Amino acid sequence: MKILVVDDEKDIQLLFQQCFRKEIKNGEFSFEFAFSAEEALEYLKKYLPKSILILSDINMPGMSGFDLLDQINSKYTDPPRVIMISAYGDEKNHNQAKRLGVSEFITKPVNFKYLKEKLKINLYG
């Protein structure tokens, strides 16, 4: 499964590569990284059929994760699935994420064991 991780924190790339080392090596997951919502939109223009799932932060400079979702929903008739990963786990953000079609909402700090379970559910149904 190809996963696009969208987060302005650049150290997230190394963290994901370490936490998913086994799954990456086994070919279960392949990660791409965008460090802004704008960069994610550019990636999707080129590779959308290959991006099966998006993991996105909410709070980023420029466009927020919610702005990104709004753009994706308006541009694509069959938008990719999105899981939000954010430190902002309050009810208002959860509700807004649901309205925008987020399939899952995970709060930071990320419990990677839980995230792996959710990703495998998305992969295998």
N, C-alpha and C. Protein backbone atom coordinates (compact mmCIF):
# COMPACT_ATOMS: atom_id res chain seq x y z
N MET A 1 0.85 -1.17 0.00
CA MET A 1 0.00 0.00 0.00
C MET A 1 0.89 1.23 0.00
N LYS A 2 0.60 2.14 -0.91
CA LYS A 2 1.33 3.40 -0.96
C LYS A 2 0.61 4.41 -0.06
N ILE A 3 1.39 5.07 0.79
CA ILE A 3 0.85 6.02 1.76
C ILE A 3 1.59 7.34 1.61
N LEU A 4 0.82 8.41 1.50
CA LEU A 4 1.38 9.76 1.46
C LEU A 4 1.21 10.39 2.84
N VAL A 5 2.32 10.71 3.49
CA VAL A 5 2.30 11.34 4.81
C VAL A 5 2.50 12.84 4.60
N VAL A 6 1.56 13.64 5.12
CA VAL A 6 1.61 15.09 4.96
C VAL A 6 1.76 15.72 6.34
N ASP A 7 2.93 16.31 6.58
CA ASP A 7 3.21 16.92 7.88
C ASP A 7 4.37 17.89 7.70
N ASP A 8 4.28 19.05 8.32
CA ASP A 8 5.34 20.05 8.18
C ASP A 8 6.57 19.73 9.03
N GLU A 9 6.47 18.76 9.91
CA GLU A 9 7.60 18.34 10.73
C GLU A 9 8.45 17.36 9.93
N LYS A 10 9.63 17.78 9.51
CA LYS A 10 10.46 16.94 8.63
C LYS A 10 10.98 15.68 9.31
N ASP A 11 11.10 15.70 10.64
CA ASP A 11 11.59 14.51 11.34
C ASP A 11 10.59 13.36 11.33
N ILE A 12 9.36 13.65 10.89
CA ILE A 12 8.35 12.61 10.81
C ILE A 12 8.75 11.52 9.82
N GLN A 13 9.51 11.90 8.79
CA GLN A 13 9.94 10.93 7.78
C GLN A 13 10.81 9.85 8.40
N LEU A 14 11.80 10.24 9.15
CA LEU A 14 12.68 9.27 9.80
C LEU A 14 11.92 8.42 10.81
N LEU A 15 11.02 9.05 11.55
CA LEU A 15 10.22 8.33 12.54
C LEU A 15 9.38 7.24 11.88
N PHE A 16 8.70 7.57 10.79
CA PHE A 16 7.89 6.58 10.08
C PHE A 16 8.76 5.47 9.50
N GLN A 17 9.90 5.84 8.93
CA GLN A 17 10.79 4.84 8.35
C GLN A 17 11.32 3.89 9.41
N GLN A 18 11.56 4.38 10.61
CA GLN A 18 12.02 3.51 11.69
C GLN A 18 10.90 2.64 12.23
N CYS A 19 9.73 3.23 12.46
CA CYS A 19 8.62 2.49 13.06
C CYS A 19 8.01 1.45 12.12
N PHE A 20 8.12 1.69 10.82
CA PHE A 20 7.57 0.77 9.83
C PHE A 20 8.66 0.02 9.06
N ARG A 21 9.84 -0.05 9.64
CA ARG A 21 11.00 -0.68 8.98
C ARG A 21 10.66 -2.07 8.44
N LYS A 22 10.06 -2.91 9.26
CA LYS A 22 9.73 -4.28 8.87
C LYS A 22 8.70 -4.29 7.74
N GLU A 23 7.66 -3.49 7.85
CA GLU A 23 6.60 -3.46 6.85
C GLU A 23 7.09 -2.91 5.52
N ILE A 24 8.00 -1.94 5.58
CA ILE A 24 8.59 -1.38 4.35
C ILE A 24 9.45 -2.45 3.68
N LYS A 25 10.27 -3.12 4.47
CA LYS A 25 11.15 -4.16 3.93
C LYS A 25 10.36 -5.29 3.30
N ASN A 26 9.22 -5.66 3.92
CA ASN A 26 8.38 -6.74 3.42
C ASN A 26 7.50 -6.30 2.24
N GLY A 27 7.50 -5.00 1.93
CA GLY A 27 6.70 -4.50 0.81
C GLY A 27 5.23 -4.27 1.15
N GLU A 28 4.88 -4.34 2.44
CA GLU A 28 3.49 -4.09 2.84
C GLU A 28 3.10 -2.63 2.62
N PHE A 29 4.00 -1.73 3.00
CA PHE A 29 3.75 -0.30 2.91
C PHE A 29 4.89 0.39 2.20
N SER A 30 4.54 1.41 1.45
CA SER A 30 5.51 2.29 0.80
C SER A 30 5.11 3.71 1.16
N PHE A 31 6.03 4.47 1.72
CA PHE A 31 5.71 5.82 2.18
C PHE A 31 6.32 6.87 1.27
N GLU A 32 5.53 7.91 1.00
CA GLU A 32 6.00 9.14 0.36
C GLU A 32 5.70 10.25 1.37
N PHE A 33 6.45 11.33 1.29
CA PHE A 33 6.29 12.41 2.27
C PHE A 33 6.14 13.75 1.58
N ALA A 34 5.18 14.53 2.06
CA ALA A 34 4.99 15.91 1.62
C ALA A 34 5.02 16.75 2.89
N PHE A 35 5.76 17.85 2.84
CA PHE A 35 5.95 18.65 4.04
C PHE A 35 5.07 19.90 4.09
N SER A 36 4.06 19.92 3.22
CA SER A 36 3.03 20.96 3.25
C SER A 36 1.83 20.44 2.47
N ALA A 37 0.68 21.06 2.69
CA ALA A 37 -0.52 20.68 1.96
C ALA A 37 -0.35 20.98 0.47
N GLU A 38 0.32 22.08 0.18
CA GLU A 38 0.55 22.46 -1.22
C GLU A 38 1.41 21.40 -1.93
N GLU A 39 2.43 20.93 -1.25
CA GLU A 39 3.30 19.88 -1.80
C GLU A 39 2.50 18.59 -2.01
N ALA A 40 1.59 18.30 -1.10
CA ALA A 40 0.75 17.11 -1.24
C ALA A 40 -0.14 17.21 -2.47
N LEU A 41 -0.71 18.37 -2.72
CA LEU A 41 -1.56 18.56 -3.90
C LEU A 41 -0.76 18.38 -5.19
N GLU A 42 0.46 18.87 -5.20
CA GLU A 42 1.33 18.68 -6.37
C GLU A 42 1.63 17.20 -6.57
N TYR A 43 1.89 16.49 -5.49
CA TYR A 43 2.15 15.05 -5.57
C TYR A 43 0.92 14.34 -6.14
N LEU A 44 -0.27 14.69 -5.64
CA LEU A 44 -1.49 14.03 -6.09
C LEU A 44 -1.77 14.26 -7.57
N LYS A 45 -1.42 15.43 -8.08
CA LYS A 45 -1.61 15.70 -9.52
C LYS A 45 -0.85 14.68 -10.36
N LYS A 46 0.32 14.28 -9.89
CA LYS A 46 1.18 13.37 -10.64
C LYS A 46 0.89 11.90 -10.36
N TYR A 47 0.57 11.58 -9.11
CA TYR A 47 0.56 10.18 -8.70
C TYR A 47 -0.71 9.69 -8.03
N LEU A 48 -1.83 10.38 -8.20
CA LEU A 48 -3.03 10.00 -7.44
C LEU A 48 -3.39 8.52 -7.53
N PRO A 49 -3.41 7.90 -8.71
CA PRO A 49 -3.79 6.49 -8.70
C PRO A 49 -2.89 5.62 -7.83
N LYS A 50 -1.65 6.07 -7.61
CA LYS A 50 -0.72 5.29 -6.80
C LYS A 50 -0.82 5.64 -5.32
N SER A 51 -1.44 6.74 -4.97
CA SER A 51 -1.60 7.12 -3.56
C SER A 51 -2.92 6.56 -3.07
N ILE A 52 -2.82 5.50 -2.33
CA ILE A 52 -4.03 4.82 -1.88
C ILE A 52 -4.56 5.43 -0.58
N LEU A 53 -3.66 5.95 0.25
CA LEU A 53 -4.06 6.46 1.55
C LEU A 53 -3.21 7.68 1.90
N ILE A 54 -3.83 8.66 2.53
CA ILE A 54 -3.13 9.86 2.97
C ILE A 54 -3.21 9.95 4.48
N LEU A 55 -2.08 10.19 5.12
CA LEU A 55 -2.02 10.50 6.55
C LEU A 55 -1.66 11.98 6.63
N SER A 56 -2.53 12.80 7.21
CA SER A 56 -2.29 14.24 7.20
C SER A 56 -2.43 14.86 8.58
N ASP A 57 -1.52 15.78 8.84
CA ASP A 57 -1.60 16.63 10.02
C ASP A 57 -2.66 17.69 9.76
N ILE A 58 -3.13 18.36 10.79
CA ILE A 58 -4.09 19.46 10.62
C ILE A 58 -3.34 20.79 10.56
N ASN A 59 -2.55 21.06 11.57
CA ASN A 59 -1.93 22.37 11.72
C ASN A 59 -0.60 22.43 10.98
N MET A 60 -0.62 23.13 9.83
CA MET A 60 0.59 23.32 9.03
C MET A 60 0.60 24.76 8.52
N PRO A 61 1.77 25.31 8.27
CA PRO A 61 1.83 26.66 7.70
C PRO A 61 1.18 26.69 6.32
N GLY A 62 0.60 27.80 5.95
CA GLY A 62 -0.10 27.88 4.67
C GLY A 62 -1.44 27.17 4.79
N MET A 63 -1.66 26.22 3.93
CA MET A 63 -2.90 25.44 3.97
C MET A 63 -2.88 24.45 5.13
N SER A 64 -3.99 24.37 5.81
CA SER A 64 -4.12 23.38 6.88
C SER A 64 -4.49 22.02 6.29
N GLY A 65 -4.46 21.00 7.12
CA GLY A 65 -4.91 19.68 6.68
C GLY A 65 -6.37 19.68 6.27
N PHE A 66 -7.19 20.50 6.92
CA PHE A 66 -8.60 20.62 6.53
C PHE A 66 -8.73 21.29 5.17
N ASP A 67 -7.91 22.31 4.92
CA ASP A 67 -7.91 22.94 3.59
C ASP A 67 -7.50 21.93 2.52
N LEU A 68 -6.52 21.11 2.84
CA LEU A 68 -6.08 20.06 1.92
C LEU A 68 -7.24 19.12 1.61
N LEU A 69 -7.95 18.67 2.63
CA LEU A 69 -9.09 17.77 2.43
C LEU A 69 -10.16 18.42 1.57
N ASP A 70 -10.42 19.67 1.83
CA ASP A 70 -11.42 20.40 1.04
C ASP A 70 -11.02 20.45 -0.43
N GLN A 71 -9.74 20.72 -0.69
CA GLN A 71 -9.22 20.75 -2.06
C GLN A 71 -9.33 19.37 -2.72
N ILE A 72 -8.95 18.34 -2.00
CA ILE A 72 -9.01 16.98 -2.54
C ILE A 72 -10.45 16.62 -2.89
N ASN A 73 -11.37 16.92 -1.96
CA ASN A 73 -12.78 16.57 -2.18
C ASN A 73 -13.38 17.33 -3.36
N SER A 74 -12.92 18.55 -3.59
CA SER A 74 -13.48 19.33 -4.70
C SER A 74 -12.83 19.00 -6.04
N LYS A 75 -11.61 18.47 -6.04
CA LYS A 75 -10.89 18.20 -7.29
C LYS A 75 -11.06 16.78 -7.81
N TYR A 76 -11.34 15.83 -6.95
CA TYR A 76 -11.34 14.43 -7.35
C TYR A 76 -12.69 13.78 -7.10
N THR A 77 -13.21 13.10 -8.13
CA THR A 77 -14.51 12.44 -7.97
C THR A 77 -14.39 11.20 -7.09
N ASP A 78 -13.23 10.57 -7.08
CA ASP A 78 -12.98 9.42 -6.23
C ASP A 78 -11.75 9.71 -5.37
N PRO A 79 -11.93 10.56 -4.34
CA PRO A 79 -10.77 10.99 -3.55
C PRO A 79 -10.16 9.84 -2.75
N PRO A 80 -8.85 9.93 -2.49
CA PRO A 80 -8.21 8.90 -1.68
C PRO A 80 -8.70 8.96 -0.23
N ARG A 81 -8.56 7.84 0.45
CA ARG A 81 -8.91 7.81 1.88
C ARG A 81 -7.89 8.63 2.66
N VAL A 82 -8.39 9.27 3.72
CA VAL A 82 -7.52 10.13 4.54
C VAL A 82 -7.68 9.77 6.01
N ILE A 83 -6.55 9.64 6.68
CA ILE A 83 -6.51 9.52 8.13
C ILE A 83 -5.83 10.78 8.65
N MET A 84 -6.48 11.48 9.56
CA MET A 84 -5.89 12.67 10.17
C MET A 84 -5.08 12.24 11.37
N ILE A 85 -3.90 12.85 11.49
CA ILE A 85 -3.04 12.63 12.65
C ILE A 85 -2.70 14.00 13.19
N SER A 86 -3.19 14.31 14.40
CA SER A 86 -3.03 15.65 14.91
C SER A 86 -2.97 15.69 16.43
N ALA A 87 -2.31 16.71 16.93
CA ALA A 87 -2.29 16.95 18.37
C ALA A 87 -3.60 17.57 18.83
N TYR A 88 -4.38 18.06 17.86
CA TYR A 88 -5.66 18.71 18.16
C TYR A 88 -6.78 17.67 18.11
N GLY A 89 -6.97 16.96 19.21
CA GLY A 89 -7.93 15.87 19.25
C GLY A 89 -9.27 16.24 19.85
N ASP A 90 -9.60 17.52 19.87
CA ASP A 90 -10.86 17.96 20.48
C ASP A 90 -12.05 17.62 19.59
N GLU A 91 -13.24 17.74 20.16
CA GLU A 91 -14.47 17.37 19.46
C GLU A 91 -14.70 18.23 18.21
N LYS A 92 -14.38 19.51 18.27
CA LYS A 92 -14.57 20.38 17.11
C LYS A 92 -13.76 19.88 15.91
N ASN A 93 -12.50 19.53 16.14
CA ASN A 93 -11.66 19.02 15.05
C ASN A 93 -12.13 17.66 14.56
N HIS A 94 -12.56 16.80 15.48
CA HIS A 94 -13.10 15.50 15.09
C HIS A 94 -14.31 15.67 14.19
N ASN A 95 -15.21 16.56 14.60
CA ASN A 95 -16.43 16.78 13.81
C ASN A 95 -16.13 17.36 12.44
N GLN A 96 -15.21 18.31 12.39
CA GLN A 96 -14.85 18.89 11.10
C GLN A 96 -14.21 17.83 10.20
N ALA A 97 -13.37 16.99 10.77
CA ALA A 97 -12.73 15.92 10.00
C ALA A 97 -13.79 14.97 9.43
N LYS A 98 -14.76 14.61 10.25
CA LYS A 98 -15.84 13.71 9.79
C LYS A 98 -16.62 14.35 8.65
N ARG A 99 -16.93 15.64 8.78
CA ARG A 99 -17.67 16.34 7.72
C ARG A 99 -16.91 16.32 6.40
N LEU A 100 -15.58 16.33 6.49
CA LEU A 100 -14.76 16.34 5.29
C LEU A 100 -14.42 14.93 4.79
N GLY A 101 -14.95 13.91 5.46
CA GLY A 101 -14.81 12.54 4.97
C GLY A 101 -13.61 11.78 5.45
N VAL A 102 -13.00 12.21 6.55
CA VAL A 102 -11.84 11.49 7.09
C VAL A 102 -12.29 10.12 7.58
N SER A 103 -11.51 9.10 7.25
CA SER A 103 -11.89 7.75 7.65
C SER A 103 -11.48 7.42 9.08
N GLU A 104 -10.48 8.12 9.59
CA GLU A 104 -9.98 7.86 10.95
C GLU A 104 -9.29 9.12 11.47
N PHE A 105 -9.32 9.31 12.79
CA PHE A 105 -8.67 10.46 13.42
C PHE A 105 -7.78 9.92 14.54
N ILE A 106 -6.49 10.16 14.43
CA ILE A 106 -5.53 9.66 15.43
C ILE A 106 -4.83 10.86 16.06
N THR A 107 -4.76 10.87 17.38
CA THR A 107 -4.12 12.00 18.06
C THR A 107 -2.64 11.73 18.30
N LYS A 108 -1.89 12.82 18.29
CA LYS A 108 -0.45 12.77 18.60
C LYS A 108 -0.28 12.85 20.10
N PRO A 109 0.73 12.27 20.68
CA PRO A 109 1.76 11.49 20.00
C PRO A 109 1.17 10.20 19.46
N VAL A 110 1.64 9.79 18.30
CA VAL A 110 1.09 8.65 17.59
C VAL A 110 1.46 7.35 18.30
N ASN A 111 0.44 6.54 18.52
CA ASN A 111 0.64 5.18 18.98
C ASN A 111 0.84 4.35 17.71
N PHE A 112 2.08 4.03 17.37
CA PHE A 112 2.38 3.38 16.10
C PHE A 112 1.82 1.96 16.01
N LYS A 113 1.67 1.29 17.13
CA LYS A 113 1.05 -0.05 17.11
C LYS A 113 -0.40 0.08 16.66
N TYR A 114 -1.11 1.06 17.20
CA TYR A 114 -2.50 1.31 16.81
C TYR A 114 -2.58 1.73 15.34
N LEU A 115 -1.67 2.61 14.92
CA LEU A 115 -1.66 3.07 13.53
C LEU A 115 -1.41 1.89 12.58
N LYS A 116 -0.50 1.02 12.92
CA LYS A 116 -0.24 -0.15 12.07
C LYS A 116 -1.49 -1.00 11.92
N GLU A 117 -2.23 -1.19 13.01
CA GLU A 117 -3.47 -1.96 12.96
C GLU A 117 -4.46 -1.30 12.01
N LYS A 118 -4.61 0.02 12.11
CA LYS A 118 -5.54 0.75 11.25
C LYS A 118 -5.12 0.68 9.79
N LEU A 119 -3.84 0.78 9.52
CA LEU A 119 -3.35 0.70 8.15
C LEU A 119 -3.57 -0.70 7.57
N LYS A 120 -3.36 -1.72 8.38
CA LYS A 120 -3.57 -3.09 7.90
C LYS A 120 -5.06 -3.35 7.63
N ILE A 121 -5.92 -2.75 8.43
CA ILE A 121 -7.37 -2.86 8.17
C ILE A 121 -7.68 -2.22 6.83
N ASN A 122 -7.10 -1.04 6.56
CA ASN A 122 -7.31 -0.36 5.28
C ASN A 122 -6.72 -1.18 4.12
N LEU A 123 -5.63 -1.88 4.37
CA LEU A 123 -4.97 -2.66 3.33
C LEU A 123 -5.75 -3.94 3.02
N TYR A 124 -6.17 -4.63 4.06
CA TYR A 124 -6.79 -5.94 3.86
C TYR A 124 -8.31 -5.92 3.97
N GLY A 125 -8.88 -4.75 4.29
CA GLY A 125 -10.34 -4.65 4.39
C GLY A 125 -10.81 -5.02 5.69
